[in-house]
Amino acid sequence: MVTPTIPSDESNAANASRVRGNTSTTDTTARMTASVDAQQTAETIKSIARRIREESIRMREMVVAIRQSGAVEELVDSFREASLATRDTAKEINDAARALRDRGAIRETAVAIDETAKAAQETAETVRGAAREVGEATPITSESVRKTGRRLRRSPKSTSTTDTTAGLEEGTPAS
């Protein structure tokens, strides 16, 4: 039977230190990285705080300058004047509308618009009817002109122009 060999304490100690050494190096690197990250974060926060302080000082200086320049009072005064002008204008428009209503001008205007629309519609109907009549009369008129032209060409040269004109006006031949 074979007996298992047990490593000596010396080799166990060497292996353990090697393992611990690797762990120690890894832990140190991790701690250093964490430490560097923490330092960078702290520096970033300090930088931000410094910038906030600087900008706060600039803002205070700007507010003092604006207050001393009178710009705030001028801005408030201009808003007040604009709101008063708007209020006054609205009152005037309201008064004018009320006066027009009380005089009956609004009703009269509405009635006049209605009457104008009706008159325009009647005019359009009349124009349509006249156009229709012209369209219907056009063939008759053109036929009359053709007949008269033929008669004039056939008529003897001895017929005077006044007879022809009189005949055309009456719608009868000149001969």
N, C-alpha and C. Protein backbone atom coordinates (compact mmCIF):
# COMPACT_ATOMS: atom_id res chain seq x y z
N MET A 1 0.83 -1.14 0.00
CA MET A 1 0.00 0.00 0.00
C MET A 1 0.89 1.23 0.00
N VAL A 2 0.45 2.21 -0.73
CA VAL A 2 1.26 3.40 -0.91
C VAL A 2 0.69 4.46 0.02
N THR A 3 1.56 5.14 0.68
CA THR A 3 1.10 6.21 1.57
C THR A 3 1.21 7.54 0.85
N PRO A 4 0.21 8.33 0.98
CA PRO A 4 0.26 9.62 0.32
C PRO A 4 1.31 10.50 0.97
N THR A 5 1.91 11.30 0.14
CA THR A 5 2.92 12.20 0.66
C THR A 5 2.25 13.51 1.05
N ILE A 6 2.60 13.99 2.15
CA ILE A 6 2.04 15.24 2.63
C ILE A 6 3.12 16.29 2.44
N PRO A 7 2.78 17.37 1.82
CA PRO A 7 3.79 18.39 1.61
C PRO A 7 4.23 18.97 2.94
N SER A 8 5.43 19.41 2.92
CA SER A 8 5.98 19.93 4.17
C SER A 8 5.41 21.30 4.45
N ASP A 9 5.60 21.71 5.66
CA ASP A 9 5.11 23.02 6.06
C ASP A 9 5.83 24.13 5.32
N GLU A 10 7.06 23.90 4.97
CA GLU A 10 7.81 24.94 4.27
C GLU A 10 7.21 25.23 2.91
N SER A 11 6.86 24.17 2.17
CA SER A 11 6.29 24.40 0.84
C SER A 11 4.92 25.04 0.96
N ASN A 12 4.14 24.70 1.97
CA ASN A 12 2.83 25.32 2.16
C ASN A 12 2.99 26.80 2.44
N ALA A 13 3.97 27.13 3.21
CA ALA A 13 4.19 28.53 3.56
C ALA A 13 4.61 29.31 2.31
N ALA A 14 5.44 28.69 1.46
CA ALA A 14 5.88 29.37 0.23
C ALA A 14 4.71 29.58 -0.70
N ASN A 15 3.89 28.55 -0.86
CA ASN A 15 2.72 28.69 -1.73
C ASN A 15 1.76 29.75 -1.18
N ALA A 16 1.57 29.75 0.09
CA ALA A 16 0.64 30.69 0.70
C ALA A 16 1.13 32.11 0.51
N SER A 17 2.43 32.32 0.65
CA SER A 17 2.94 33.67 0.48
C SER A 17 2.83 34.10 -0.97
N ARG A 18 3.04 33.15 -1.87
CA ARG A 18 2.87 33.47 -3.28
C ARG A 18 1.45 33.88 -3.58
N VAL A 19 0.50 33.14 -3.06
CA VAL A 19 -0.91 33.45 -3.27
C VAL A 19 -1.24 34.77 -2.62
N ARG A 20 -0.74 34.96 -1.39
CA ARG A 20 -1.00 36.21 -0.71
C ARG A 20 -0.35 37.37 -1.45
N GLY A 21 0.80 37.13 -2.00
CA GLY A 21 1.51 38.17 -2.73
C GLY A 21 0.71 38.61 -3.94
N ASN A 22 0.17 37.68 -4.67
CA ASN A 22 -0.65 38.02 -5.83
C ASN A 22 -1.89 38.78 -5.38
N THR A 23 -2.51 38.32 -4.34
CA THR A 23 -3.70 38.98 -3.84
C THR A 23 -3.34 40.36 -3.34
N SER A 24 -2.23 40.46 -2.69
CA SER A 24 -1.79 41.73 -2.15
C SER A 24 -1.56 42.72 -3.29
N THR A 25 -0.95 42.28 -4.39
CA THR A 25 -0.70 43.15 -5.52
C THR A 25 -2.03 43.58 -6.15
N THR A 26 -2.94 42.64 -6.29
CA THR A 26 -4.24 42.95 -6.87
C THR A 26 -4.99 43.92 -5.97
N ASP A 27 -4.96 43.67 -4.67
CA ASP A 27 -5.64 44.56 -3.73
C ASP A 27 -5.02 45.95 -3.77
N THR A 28 -3.73 46.01 -3.86
CA THR A 28 -3.04 47.31 -3.87
C THR A 28 -3.41 48.08 -5.14
N THR A 29 -3.41 47.38 -6.26
CA THR A 29 -3.78 48.04 -7.52
C THR A 29 -5.21 48.54 -7.44
N ALA A 30 -6.11 47.73 -6.92
CA ALA A 30 -7.51 48.12 -6.79
C ALA A 30 -7.65 49.30 -5.86
N ARG A 31 -6.88 49.22 -4.72
CA ARG A 31 -6.95 50.34 -3.77
C ARG A 31 -6.40 51.62 -4.39
N MET A 32 -5.32 51.49 -5.17
CA MET A 32 -4.73 52.67 -5.80
C MET A 32 -5.67 53.26 -6.84
N THR A 33 -6.29 52.38 -7.62
CA THR A 33 -7.24 52.85 -8.63
C THR A 33 -8.41 53.54 -7.96
N ALA A 34 -8.94 52.93 -6.90
CA ALA A 34 -10.05 53.53 -6.17
C ALA A 34 -9.62 54.86 -5.56
N SER A 35 -8.39 54.87 -5.06
CA SER A 35 -7.88 56.10 -4.46
C SER A 35 -7.72 57.20 -5.50
N VAL A 36 -7.22 56.84 -6.70
CA VAL A 36 -7.06 57.82 -7.77
C VAL A 36 -8.43 58.32 -8.23
N ASP A 37 -9.39 57.41 -8.40
CA ASP A 37 -10.75 57.80 -8.79
C ASP A 37 -11.36 58.72 -7.75
N ALA A 38 -11.20 58.41 -6.48
CA ALA A 38 -11.75 59.24 -5.42
C ALA A 38 -11.10 60.62 -5.43
N GLN A 39 -9.80 60.66 -5.66
CA GLN A 39 -9.09 61.95 -5.71
C GLN A 39 -9.57 62.78 -6.91
N GLN A 40 -9.72 62.11 -8.06
CA GLN A 40 -10.21 62.83 -9.25
C GLN A 40 -11.63 63.36 -9.02
N THR A 41 -12.47 62.54 -8.41
CA THR A 41 -13.84 62.97 -8.12
C THR A 41 -13.83 64.15 -7.16
N ALA A 42 -13.00 64.08 -6.13
CA ALA A 42 -12.90 65.17 -5.17
C ALA A 42 -12.42 66.44 -5.85
N GLU A 43 -11.42 66.33 -6.72
CA GLU A 43 -10.91 67.49 -7.45
C GLU A 43 -11.98 68.08 -8.37
N THR A 44 -12.73 67.22 -9.03
CA THR A 44 -13.81 67.69 -9.90
C THR A 44 -14.86 68.44 -9.10
N ILE A 45 -15.22 67.91 -7.93
CA ILE A 45 -16.21 68.57 -7.07
C ILE A 45 -15.68 69.91 -6.58
N LYS A 46 -14.39 69.94 -6.19
CA LYS A 46 -13.79 71.21 -5.75
C LYS A 46 -13.81 72.23 -6.88
N SER A 47 -13.50 71.78 -8.09
CA SER A 47 -13.49 72.68 -9.25
C SER A 47 -14.89 73.24 -9.51
N ILE A 48 -15.88 72.38 -9.43
CA ILE A 48 -17.27 72.81 -9.64
C ILE A 48 -17.66 73.82 -8.57
N ALA A 49 -17.30 73.54 -7.31
CA ALA A 49 -17.63 74.45 -6.21
C ALA A 49 -16.96 75.80 -6.43
N ARG A 50 -15.72 75.79 -6.87
CA ARG A 50 -14.98 77.02 -7.15
C ARG A 50 -15.69 77.83 -8.24
N ARG A 51 -16.10 77.15 -9.32
CA ARG A 51 -16.79 77.84 -10.40
C ARG A 51 -18.14 78.40 -9.95
N ILE A 52 -18.85 77.65 -9.11
CA ILE A 52 -20.13 78.14 -8.58
C ILE A 52 -19.89 79.41 -7.76
N ARG A 53 -18.85 79.38 -6.90
CA ARG A 53 -18.52 80.55 -6.10
C ARG A 53 -18.20 81.75 -6.99
N GLU A 54 -17.39 81.53 -8.02
CA GLU A 54 -17.00 82.62 -8.93
C GLU A 54 -18.22 83.19 -9.66
N GLU A 55 -19.07 82.32 -10.17
CA GLU A 55 -20.26 82.77 -10.89
C GLU A 55 -21.24 83.47 -9.95
N SER A 56 -21.31 83.03 -8.70
CA SER A 56 -22.18 83.69 -7.73
C SER A 56 -21.70 85.11 -7.48
N ILE A 57 -20.40 85.28 -7.39
CA ILE A 57 -19.83 86.61 -7.20
C ILE A 57 -20.16 87.48 -8.41
N ARG A 58 -19.98 86.95 -9.61
CA ARG A 58 -20.31 87.70 -10.83
C ARG A 58 -21.79 88.07 -10.87
N MET A 59 -22.65 87.13 -10.47
CA MET A 59 -24.08 87.40 -10.47
C MET A 59 -24.42 88.51 -9.49
N ARG A 60 -23.83 88.47 -8.29
CA ARG A 60 -24.08 89.53 -7.32
C ARG A 60 -23.66 90.87 -7.89
N GLU A 61 -22.47 90.91 -8.50
CA GLU A 61 -21.98 92.16 -9.08
C GLU A 61 -22.93 92.66 -10.18
N MET A 62 -23.43 91.74 -11.00
CA MET A 62 -24.34 92.12 -12.08
C MET A 62 -25.66 92.66 -11.51
N VAL A 63 -26.19 92.01 -10.48
CA VAL A 63 -27.44 92.47 -9.88
C VAL A 63 -27.25 93.87 -9.30
N VAL A 64 -26.13 94.09 -8.63
CA VAL A 64 -25.85 95.42 -8.08
C VAL A 64 -25.76 96.45 -9.20
N ALA A 65 -25.06 96.11 -10.29
CA ALA A 65 -24.93 97.03 -11.42
C ALA A 65 -26.28 97.33 -12.05
N ILE A 66 -27.10 96.31 -12.22
CA ILE A 66 -28.43 96.51 -12.83
C ILE A 66 -29.29 97.36 -11.92
N ARG A 67 -29.25 97.09 -10.61
CA ARG A 67 -30.04 97.87 -9.67
C ARG A 67 -29.59 99.32 -9.64
N GLN A 68 -28.30 99.54 -9.64
CA GLN A 68 -27.77 100.90 -9.60
C GLN A 68 -28.03 101.66 -10.90
N SER A 69 -28.10 100.93 -12.03
CA SER A 69 -28.33 101.59 -13.31
C SER A 69 -29.76 102.07 -13.48
N GLY A 70 -30.68 101.54 -12.70
CA GLY A 70 -32.07 101.93 -12.81
C GLY A 70 -32.82 101.14 -13.87
N ALA A 71 -32.19 100.11 -14.42
CA ALA A 71 -32.83 99.31 -15.47
C ALA A 71 -34.05 98.58 -14.95
N VAL A 72 -34.01 98.10 -13.72
CA VAL A 72 -35.15 97.36 -13.16
C VAL A 72 -36.36 98.28 -13.03
N GLU A 73 -36.13 99.47 -12.48
CA GLU A 73 -37.23 100.42 -12.33
C GLU A 73 -37.80 100.82 -13.68
N GLU A 74 -36.90 101.02 -14.64
CA GLU A 74 -37.36 101.38 -15.99
C GLU A 74 -38.19 100.26 -16.61
N LEU A 75 -37.75 99.02 -16.43
CA LEU A 75 -38.49 97.88 -16.96
C LEU A 75 -39.86 97.79 -16.30
N VAL A 76 -39.92 97.96 -14.98
CA VAL A 76 -41.20 97.89 -14.27
C VAL A 76 -42.11 99.02 -14.74
N ASP A 77 -41.55 100.23 -14.87
CA ASP A 77 -42.36 101.36 -15.35
C ASP A 77 -42.91 101.11 -16.75
N SER A 78 -42.10 100.54 -17.63
CA SER A 78 -42.58 100.28 -19.00
C SER A 78 -43.68 99.23 -19.00
N PHE A 79 -43.56 98.20 -18.15
CA PHE A 79 -44.64 97.21 -18.05
C PHE A 79 -45.92 97.86 -17.54
N ARG A 80 -45.79 98.73 -16.54
CA ARG A 80 -46.96 99.41 -15.98
C ARG A 80 -47.63 100.27 -17.05
N GLU A 81 -46.83 101.05 -17.79
CA GLU A 81 -47.38 101.91 -18.83
C GLU A 81 -48.06 101.09 -19.93
N ALA A 82 -47.44 99.98 -20.31
CA ALA A 82 -48.04 99.13 -21.35
C ALA A 82 -49.35 98.53 -20.87
N SER A 83 -49.40 98.10 -19.63
CA SER A 83 -50.65 97.51 -19.12
C SER A 83 -51.74 98.57 -19.00
N LEU A 84 -51.38 99.79 -18.60
CA LEU A 84 -52.38 100.86 -18.52
C LEU A 84 -52.90 101.22 -19.91
N ALA A 85 -52.00 101.30 -20.89
CA ALA A 85 -52.42 101.60 -22.26
C ALA A 85 -53.33 100.51 -22.80
N THR A 86 -53.02 99.26 -22.51
CA THR A 86 -53.85 98.14 -22.95
C THR A 86 -55.23 98.23 -22.30
N ARG A 87 -55.25 98.52 -21.02
CA ARG A 87 -56.53 98.65 -20.30
C ARG A 87 -57.36 99.78 -20.90
N ASP A 88 -56.74 100.95 -21.12
CA ASP A 88 -57.46 102.10 -21.67
C ASP A 88 -57.99 101.81 -23.07
N THR A 89 -57.19 101.15 -23.88
CA THR A 89 -57.62 100.80 -25.24
C THR A 89 -58.80 99.84 -25.20
N ALA A 90 -58.74 98.85 -24.33
CA ALA A 90 -59.85 97.89 -24.20
C ALA A 90 -61.12 98.61 -23.76
N LYS A 91 -60.99 99.57 -22.84
CA LYS A 91 -62.18 100.33 -22.40
C LYS A 91 -62.76 101.14 -23.55
N GLU A 92 -61.89 101.79 -24.32
CA GLU A 92 -62.36 102.59 -25.46
C GLU A 92 -63.06 101.73 -26.50
N ILE A 93 -62.50 100.59 -26.79
CA ILE A 93 -63.13 99.68 -27.76
C ILE A 93 -64.48 99.22 -27.23
N ASN A 94 -64.55 98.90 -25.95
CA ASN A 94 -65.80 98.47 -25.33
C ASN A 94 -66.84 99.59 -25.41
N ASP A 95 -66.42 100.81 -25.09
CA ASP A 95 -67.35 101.95 -25.15
C ASP A 95 -67.85 102.18 -26.58
N ALA A 96 -66.94 102.11 -27.54
CA ALA A 96 -67.33 102.32 -28.94
C ALA A 96 -68.30 101.23 -29.40
N ALA A 97 -68.02 100.00 -29.04
CA ALA A 97 -68.92 98.90 -29.44
C ALA A 97 -70.29 99.06 -28.79
N ARG A 98 -70.30 99.47 -27.54
CA ARG A 98 -71.57 99.68 -26.84
C ARG A 98 -72.36 100.81 -27.50
N ALA A 99 -71.66 101.91 -27.88
CA ALA A 99 -72.34 103.03 -28.53
C ALA A 99 -72.90 102.61 -29.89
N LEU A 100 -72.14 101.85 -30.65
CA LEU A 100 -72.63 101.36 -31.95
C LEU A 100 -73.87 100.48 -31.76
N ARG A 101 -73.82 99.63 -30.76
CA ARG A 101 -74.96 98.75 -30.50
C ARG A 101 -76.17 99.56 -30.08
N ASP A 102 -75.96 100.53 -29.19
CA ASP A 102 -77.08 101.34 -28.70
C ASP A 102 -77.70 102.17 -29.82
N ARG A 103 -76.89 102.65 -30.76
CA ARG A 103 -77.41 103.44 -31.89
C ARG A 103 -78.09 102.57 -32.92
N GLY A 104 -77.86 101.30 -32.85
CA GLY A 104 -78.43 100.40 -33.84
C GLY A 104 -77.58 100.28 -35.09
N ALA A 105 -76.36 100.80 -35.05
CA ALA A 105 -75.49 100.78 -36.23
C ALA A 105 -75.10 99.36 -36.60
N ILE A 106 -74.92 98.54 -35.61
CA ILE A 106 -74.52 97.15 -35.90
C ILE A 106 -75.66 96.43 -36.62
N ARG A 107 -76.88 96.62 -36.12
CA ARG A 107 -78.04 95.99 -36.75
C ARG A 107 -78.24 96.54 -38.16
N GLU A 108 -78.11 97.87 -38.30
CA GLU A 108 -78.27 98.49 -39.63
C GLU A 108 -77.21 97.98 -40.60
N THR A 109 -76.01 97.83 -40.10
CA THR A 109 -74.93 97.31 -40.96
C THR A 109 -75.24 95.89 -41.40
N ALA A 110 -75.70 95.08 -40.47
CA ALA A 110 -76.04 93.69 -40.81
C ALA A 110 -77.16 93.65 -41.84
N VAL A 111 -78.17 94.50 -41.66
CA VAL A 111 -79.29 94.54 -42.61
C VAL A 111 -78.80 95.00 -43.98
N ALA A 112 -77.95 96.05 -44.00
CA ALA A 112 -77.41 96.54 -45.27
C ALA A 112 -76.59 95.47 -45.98
N ILE A 113 -75.81 94.73 -45.23
CA ILE A 113 -75.02 93.64 -45.83
C ILE A 113 -75.96 92.59 -46.42
N ASP A 114 -77.01 92.27 -45.69
CA ASP A 114 -77.97 91.27 -46.17
C ASP A 114 -78.66 91.76 -47.45
N GLU A 115 -79.08 93.03 -47.45
CA GLU A 115 -79.73 93.58 -48.64
C GLU A 115 -78.77 93.63 -49.82
N THR A 116 -77.53 93.99 -49.56
CA THR A 116 -76.53 94.03 -50.64
C THR A 116 -76.33 92.64 -51.22
N ALA A 117 -76.27 91.65 -50.36
CA ALA A 117 -76.10 90.28 -50.85
C ALA A 117 -77.29 89.86 -51.71
N LYS A 118 -78.50 90.21 -51.28
CA LYS A 118 -79.68 89.87 -52.07
C LYS A 118 -79.67 90.59 -53.42
N ALA A 119 -79.31 91.89 -53.41
CA ALA A 119 -79.25 92.65 -54.66
C ALA A 119 -78.20 92.07 -55.60
N ALA A 120 -77.06 91.68 -55.04
CA ALA A 120 -76.01 91.07 -55.87
C ALA A 120 -76.49 89.76 -56.47
N GLN A 121 -77.24 88.99 -55.71
CA GLN A 121 -77.78 87.73 -56.21
C GLN A 121 -78.79 87.98 -57.33
N GLU A 122 -79.65 88.98 -57.15
CA GLU A 122 -80.63 89.31 -58.20
C GLU A 122 -79.92 89.80 -59.46
N THR A 123 -78.88 90.61 -59.27
CA THR A 123 -78.11 91.10 -60.42
C THR A 123 -77.47 89.93 -61.17
N ALA A 124 -76.94 89.01 -60.43
CA ALA A 124 -76.32 87.84 -61.06
C ALA A 124 -77.35 87.04 -61.85
N GLU A 125 -78.54 86.88 -61.30
CA GLU A 125 -79.60 86.17 -62.02
C GLU A 125 -79.99 86.92 -63.29
N THR A 126 -80.07 88.25 -63.20
CA THR A 126 -80.43 89.06 -64.38
C THR A 126 -79.35 88.91 -65.45
N VAL A 127 -78.10 88.97 -65.04
CA VAL A 127 -76.99 88.83 -66.01
C VAL A 127 -77.02 87.44 -66.64
N ARG A 128 -77.29 86.42 -65.83
CA ARG A 128 -77.38 85.05 -66.38
C ARG A 128 -78.49 84.97 -67.41
N GLY A 129 -79.64 85.55 -67.08
CA GLY A 129 -80.78 85.54 -68.02
C GLY A 129 -80.43 86.28 -69.30
N ALA A 130 -79.79 87.44 -69.18
CA ALA A 130 -79.40 88.21 -70.37
C ALA A 130 -78.41 87.42 -71.21
N ALA A 131 -77.49 86.77 -70.56
CA ALA A 131 -76.51 85.97 -71.30
C ALA A 131 -77.19 84.80 -72.01
N ARG A 132 -78.16 84.21 -71.35
CA ARG A 132 -78.90 83.12 -71.97
C ARG A 132 -79.66 83.63 -73.19
N GLU A 133 -80.29 84.79 -73.06
CA GLU A 133 -81.03 85.37 -74.18
C GLU A 133 -80.10 85.71 -75.34
N VAL A 134 -78.93 86.24 -75.01
CA VAL A 134 -77.96 86.54 -76.06
C VAL A 134 -77.54 85.25 -76.76
N GLY A 135 -77.32 84.22 -75.98
CA GLY A 135 -76.94 82.93 -76.56
C GLY A 135 -78.04 82.38 -77.46
N GLU A 136 -79.29 82.54 -77.03
CA GLU A 136 -80.40 82.05 -77.84
C GLU A 136 -80.60 82.91 -79.08
N ALA A 137 -80.37 84.23 -78.96
CA ALA A 137 -80.59 85.13 -80.08
C ALA A 137 -79.43 85.12 -81.07
N THR A 138 -78.29 84.66 -80.69
CA THR A 138 -77.13 84.69 -81.56
C THR A 138 -77.35 83.94 -82.86
N PRO A 139 -77.89 82.73 -82.86
CA PRO A 139 -78.12 82.07 -84.15
C PRO A 139 -79.08 82.86 -85.05
N ILE A 140 -80.10 83.44 -84.45
CA ILE A 140 -81.07 84.23 -85.23
C ILE A 140 -80.39 85.46 -85.79
N THR A 141 -79.62 86.15 -84.98
CA THR A 141 -78.93 87.37 -85.41
C THR A 141 -77.92 87.05 -86.50
N SER A 142 -77.16 86.00 -86.31
CA SER A 142 -76.16 85.66 -87.34
C SER A 142 -76.84 85.26 -88.65
N GLU A 143 -77.99 84.58 -88.55
CA GLU A 143 -78.72 84.22 -89.76
C GLU A 143 -79.23 85.47 -90.46
N SER A 144 -79.73 86.46 -89.70
CA SER A 144 -80.20 87.71 -90.30
C SER A 144 -79.06 88.44 -90.98
N VAL A 145 -77.92 88.46 -90.36
CA VAL A 145 -76.76 89.15 -90.95
C VAL A 145 -76.35 88.45 -92.25
N ARG A 146 -76.37 87.12 -92.26
CA ARG A 146 -76.01 86.37 -93.47
C ARG A 146 -77.00 86.68 -94.60
N LYS A 147 -78.29 86.67 -94.27
CA LYS A 147 -79.31 86.94 -95.30
C LYS A 147 -79.13 88.35 -95.85
N THR A 148 -78.90 89.30 -94.97
CA THR A 148 -78.73 90.68 -95.41
C THR A 148 -77.50 90.80 -96.29
N GLY A 149 -76.45 90.12 -95.93
CA GLY A 149 -75.24 90.15 -96.74
C GLY A 149 -75.49 89.58 -98.12
N ARG A 150 -76.25 88.48 -98.19
CA ARG A 150 -76.57 87.89 -99.48
C ARG A 150 -77.41 88.85 -100.31
N ARG A 151 -78.37 89.49 -99.68
CA ARG A 151 -79.24 90.44 -100.39
C ARG A 151 -78.42 91.61 -100.93
N LEU A 152 -77.49 92.07 -100.11
CA LEU A 152 -76.68 93.20 -100.55
C LEU A 152 -75.82 92.82 -101.75
N ARG A 153 -75.32 91.61 -101.75
CA ARG A 153 -74.50 91.17 -102.88
C ARG A 153 -75.35 91.02 -104.14
N ARG A 154 -76.59 90.57 -103.99
CA ARG A 154 -77.48 90.37 -105.14
C ARG A 154 -78.13 91.66 -105.62
N SER A 155 -78.26 92.60 -104.77
CA SER A 155 -79.00 93.81 -105.14
C SER A 155 -78.28 94.56 -106.25
N PRO A 156 -79.09 95.21 -107.14
CA PRO A 156 -78.49 95.94 -108.25
C PRO A 156 -77.73 97.15 -107.76
N LYS A 157 -76.76 97.57 -108.57
CA LYS A 157 -75.93 98.68 -108.18
C LYS A 157 -76.68 99.99 -108.26
N SER A 158 -77.79 100.00 -108.85
CA SER A 158 -78.56 101.23 -108.98
C SER A 158 -79.26 101.60 -107.68
N THR A 159 -79.43 100.66 -106.75
CA THR A 159 -80.11 100.94 -105.49
C THR A 159 -79.21 101.83 -104.66
N SER A 160 -79.81 102.84 -104.10
CA SER A 160 -79.01 103.79 -103.33
C SER A 160 -78.68 103.20 -101.96
N THR A 161 -77.67 103.74 -101.34
CA THR A 161 -77.21 103.26 -100.04
C THR A 161 -78.23 103.58 -98.97
N THR A 162 -78.91 104.69 -99.05
CA THR A 162 -79.91 105.04 -98.04
C THR A 162 -81.07 104.08 -98.07
N ASP A 163 -81.46 103.63 -99.24
CA ASP A 163 -82.55 102.64 -99.31
C ASP A 163 -82.13 101.35 -98.64
N THR A 164 -80.91 100.94 -98.86
CA THR A 164 -80.41 99.70 -98.27
C THR A 164 -80.34 99.84 -96.77
N THR A 165 -79.84 100.96 -96.28
CA THR A 165 -79.73 101.18 -94.84
C THR A 165 -81.10 101.22 -94.22
N ALA A 166 -82.03 101.89 -94.84
CA ALA A 166 -83.39 101.96 -94.30
C ALA A 166 -84.01 100.58 -94.29
N GLY A 167 -83.76 99.80 -95.33
CA GLY A 167 -84.31 98.46 -95.38
C GLY A 167 -83.70 97.57 -94.30
N LEU A 168 -82.43 97.74 -94.03
CA LEU A 168 -81.80 96.94 -92.99
C LEU A 168 -82.37 97.28 -91.62
N GLU A 169 -82.61 98.57 -91.38
CA GLU A 169 -83.14 98.98 -90.09
C GLU A 169 -84.54 98.44 -89.90
N GLU A 170 -85.32 98.37 -90.97
CA GLU A 170 -86.70 97.89 -90.85
C GLU A 170 -86.76 96.36 -90.94
N GLY A 171 -85.70 95.75 -91.40
CA GLY A 171 -85.67 94.30 -91.55
C GLY A 171 -86.29 93.83 -92.83
N THR A 172 -86.46 94.73 -93.81
CA THR A 172 -87.03 94.35 -95.10
C THR A 172 -86.01 94.60 -96.18
N PRO A 173 -86.11 93.90 -97.28
CA PRO A 173 -85.16 94.12 -98.35
C PRO A 173 -85.31 95.51 -98.95
N ALA A 174 -84.23 96.05 -99.48
CA ALA A 174 -84.20 97.42 -100.00
C ALA A 174 -84.77 97.54 -101.38
N SER A 175 -85.05 96.52 -102.14
CA SER A 175 -85.50 96.64 -103.52
C SER A 175 -86.96 96.76 -103.66
